[in-house]
C-alpha atoms as a PDB file:
ATOM      1  CA  MET A   1       5.217  -8.851   3.843  1.00  0.00           C
ATOM      2  CA  LEU A   2       5.955  -8.872   7.345  1.00  0.00           C
ATOM      3  CA  LEU A   3       6.027  -5.062   9.407  1.00  0.00           C
ATOM      4  CA  ARG A   4       6.591  -5.148  13.160  1.00  0.00           C
ATOM      5  CA  ASP A   5       6.985  -2.305  15.625  1.00  0.00           C
ATOM      6  CA  PRO A   6       6.358  -2.617  19.766  1.00  0.00           C
ATOM      7  CA  PHE A   7       2.636  -2.853  19.483  1.00  0.00           C
ATOM      8  CA  GLU A   8       1.931  -5.068  16.795  1.00  0.00           C
ATOM      9  CA  VAL A   9       3.126  -7.508  13.901  1.00  0.00           C
ATOM     10  CA  THR A  10       1.444  -6.554  10.581  1.00  0.00           C
ATOM     11  CA  LEU A  11       1.382  -9.252   8.017  1.00  0.00           C
ATOM     12  CA  LEU A  12       0.264  -8.803   4.452  1.00  0.00           C
ATOM     13  CA  LEU A  13      -0.375 -11.907   2.836  1.00  0.00           C
ATOM     14  CA  GLU A  14      -2.179 -13.368   0.047  1.00  0.00           C
ATOM     15  CA  GLU A  15      -6.019 -14.933   0.541  1.00  0.00           C
ATOM     16  CA  GLU A  16      -4.739 -17.933  -0.220  1.00  0.00           C
ATOM     17  CA  ASP A  17      -1.741 -17.914   2.034  1.00  0.00           C
ATOM     18  CA  TRP A  18      -3.590 -16.523   5.203  1.00  0.00           C
ATOM     19  CA  ARG A  19      -6.578 -19.507   4.707  1.00  0.00           C
ATOM     20  CA  ALA A  20      -3.513 -22.250   4.903  1.00  0.00           C
ATOM     21  CA  MET A  21      -1.864 -20.427   8.254  1.00  0.00           C
ATOM     22  CA  ARG A  22      -4.978 -18.752  10.508  1.00  0.00           C
ATOM     23  CA  HIS A  23      -5.645 -21.804  12.614  1.00  0.00           C
ATOM     24  CA  ALA A  24      -1.981 -20.641  14.002  1.00  0.00           C
ATOM     25  CA  ALA A  25      -3.905 -16.838  14.490  1.00  0.00           C
ATOM     26  CA  ARG A  26      -6.846 -16.865  15.991  1.00  0.00           C
ATOM     27  CA  ASP A  27      -7.011 -13.959  17.311  1.00  0.00           C
ATOM     28  CA  ALA A  28      -6.088 -11.808  14.866  1.00  0.00           C
ATOM     29  CA  ARG A  29      -7.586  -9.080  12.924  1.00  0.00           C
ATOM     30  CA  VAL A  30      -8.154  -9.341   9.921  1.00  0.00           C
ATOM     31  CA  GLU A  31      -9.172  -7.286   6.971  1.00  0.00           C
ATOM     32  CA  GLY A  32      -9.407  -8.118   3.050  1.00  0.00           C
ATOM     33  CA  GLY A  33     -10.415  -6.692   0.292  1.00  0.00           C
ATOM     34  CA  PHE A  34      -7.014  -4.573  -0.384  1.00  0.00           C
ATOM     35  CA  ARG A  35      -4.561  -4.567  -3.567  1.00  0.00           C
ATOM     36  CA  LEU A  36      -1.276  -3.950  -3.348  1.00  0.00           C
ATOM     37  CA  VAL A  37      -0.066  -0.995  -5.686  1.00  0.00           C
ATOM     38  CA  THR A  38       3.579  -1.097  -6.029  1.00  0.00           C
ATOM     39  CA  LEU A  39       4.934   2.144  -7.696  1.00  0.00           C
ATOM     40  CA  ASP A  40       7.714   0.868  -9.693  1.00  0.00           C
ATOM     41  CA  VAL A  41      10.099   4.195  -9.029  1.00  0.00           C
ATOM     42  CA  GLU A  42      13.775   3.255  -7.246  1.00  0.00           C
ATOM     43  CA  LEU A  43      13.970   6.623  -5.516  1.00  0.00           C
ATOM     44  CA  PRO A  44      17.214   7.769  -3.545  1.00  0.00           C
ATOM     45  CA  TRP A  45      16.734   8.633   0.006  1.00  0.00           C
ATOM     46  CA  ASN A  46      17.704  12.130  -0.192  1.00  0.00           C
ATOM     47  CA  VAL A  47      14.216  12.494  -2.481  1.00  0.00           C
ATOM     48  CA  VAL A  48      11.527  14.762  -0.698  1.00  0.00           C
ATOM     49  CA  GLY A  49       8.078  14.652  -0.770  1.00  0.00           C
ATOM     50  CA  PHE A  50       7.338  11.869  -3.670  1.00  0.00           C
ATOM     51  CA  LEU A  51       5.130   9.976  -1.103  1.00  0.00           C
ATOM     52  CA  ALA A  52       3.621  12.374   0.413  1.00  0.00           C
ATOM     53  CA  ARG A  53       2.600  14.063  -3.301  1.00  0.00           C
ATOM     54  CA  VAL A  54       1.212  10.599  -4.660  1.00  0.00           C
ATOM     55  CA  THR A  55      -1.107  10.413  -1.414  1.00  0.00           C
ATOM     56  CA  GLU A  56      -2.062  14.045  -1.872  1.00  0.00           C
ATOM     57  CA  ILE A  57      -3.365  12.906  -4.978  1.00  0.00           C
ATOM     58  CA  LEU A  58      -5.355   9.594  -3.940  1.00  0.00           C
ATOM     59  CA  ALA A  59      -6.409  12.092  -0.975  1.00  0.00           C
ATOM     60  CA  ALA A  60      -7.715  14.489  -3.258  1.00  0.00           C
ATOM     61  CA  ALA A  61      -9.854  12.003  -4.987  1.00  0.00           C
ATOM     62  CA  GLY A  62     -11.394  10.515  -1.848  1.00  0.00           C
ATOM     63  CA  ILE A  63      -9.388   7.553  -2.319  1.00  0.00           C
ATOM     64  CA  ALA A  64      -7.857   5.869   1.320  1.00  0.00           C
ATOM     65  CA  VAL A  65      -4.325   4.461   1.427  1.00  0.00           C
ATOM     66  CA  GLY A  66      -2.083   2.658   3.307  1.00  0.00           C
ATOM     67  CA  ALA A  67       1.581   3.818   2.525  1.00  0.00           C
ATOM     68  CA  LEU A  68       4.186   0.631   3.098  1.00  0.00           C
ATOM     69  CA  SER A  69       7.869   1.523   2.412  1.00  0.00           C
ATOM     70  CA  ALA A  70      10.466  -0.247   1.458  1.00  0.00           C
ATOM     71  CA  PHE A  71      14.455   0.123   0.764  1.00  0.00           C
ATOM     72  CA  SER A  72      13.981   1.913  -2.247  1.00  0.00           C
ATOM     73  CA  ARG A  73      10.180   1.462  -3.137  1.00  0.00           C
ATOM     74  CA  ASP A  74       6.932   2.508  -1.855  1.00  0.00           C
ATOM     75  CA  HIS A  75       3.789   0.464  -1.751  1.00  0.00           C
ATOM     76  CA  LEU A  76       0.723   1.294  -1.090  1.00  0.00           C
ATOM     77  CA  LEU A  77      -2.482  -0.982   0.360  1.00  0.00           C
ATOM     78  CA  ILE A  78      -5.663   0.334  -1.454  1.00  0.00           C
ATOM     79  CA  LYS A  79      -9.217  -1.156  -1.495  1.00  0.00           C
ATOM     80  CA  GLN A  80     -10.396  -3.225  -4.256  1.00  0.00           C
ATOM     81  CA  GLU A  81     -13.243  -1.186  -4.965  1.00  0.00           C
ATOM     82  CA  ASP A  82     -11.110   2.067  -5.368  1.00  0.00           C
ATOM     83  CA  LEU A  83      -8.106   0.482  -7.330  1.00  0.00           C
ATOM     84  CA  GLY A  84      -9.536   1.579 -11.066  1.00  0.00           C
ATOM     85  CA  LYS A  85      -9.905   5.082  -9.912  1.00  0.00           C
ATOM     86  CA  ALA A  86      -6.604   5.046  -8.368  1.00  0.00           C
ATOM     87  CA  LEU A  87      -4.672   3.608 -10.949  1.00  0.00           C
ATOM     88  CA  ARG A  88      -6.598   6.521 -13.182  1.00  0.00           C
ATOM     89  CA  VAL A  89      -5.874   9.298 -10.737  1.00  0.00           C
ATOM     90  CA  LEU A  90      -2.601   8.197 -10.699  1.00  0.00           C
ATOM     91  CA  GLY A  91      -2.047   7.752 -14.257  1.00  0.00           C
ATOM     92  CA  GLU A  92      -3.243  11.706 -14.787  1.00  0.00           C
ATOM     93  CA  HIS A  93      -0.181  12.467 -12.916  1.00  0.00           C
ATOM     94  CA  VAL A  94       2.430  10.217 -14.146  1.00  0.00           C
ATOM     95  CA  ALA A  95       4.750  12.655 -15.510  1.00  0.00           C
ATOM     96  CA  GLU A  96       4.799  14.851 -12.539  1.00  0.00           C
ATOM     97  CA  LEU A  97       5.312  12.041 -10.060  1.00  0.00           C
ATOM     98  CA  CYS A  98       8.273  10.170 -12.432  1.00  0.00           C
END
């Protein structure tokens, strides 16, 4: 996944892919240990507050999250050590969120 803004370029890569290309990005700032969780709910653009509620639930559980939005789905970057807890907490709110 590639994200580009006026300040930086962000690549989200599998570790194997990063190892294959890291020689080309020697000055890159790298942080690993994340899992990408896709919220498999296709949302129309007039939905308000869905991602806010998801991140509120995770924040209440003490779980840090990086949110990424695609055209119709949202994705979360969650540290590997928090993944089980995050999935459990979100699972408790599935009926509310979906």
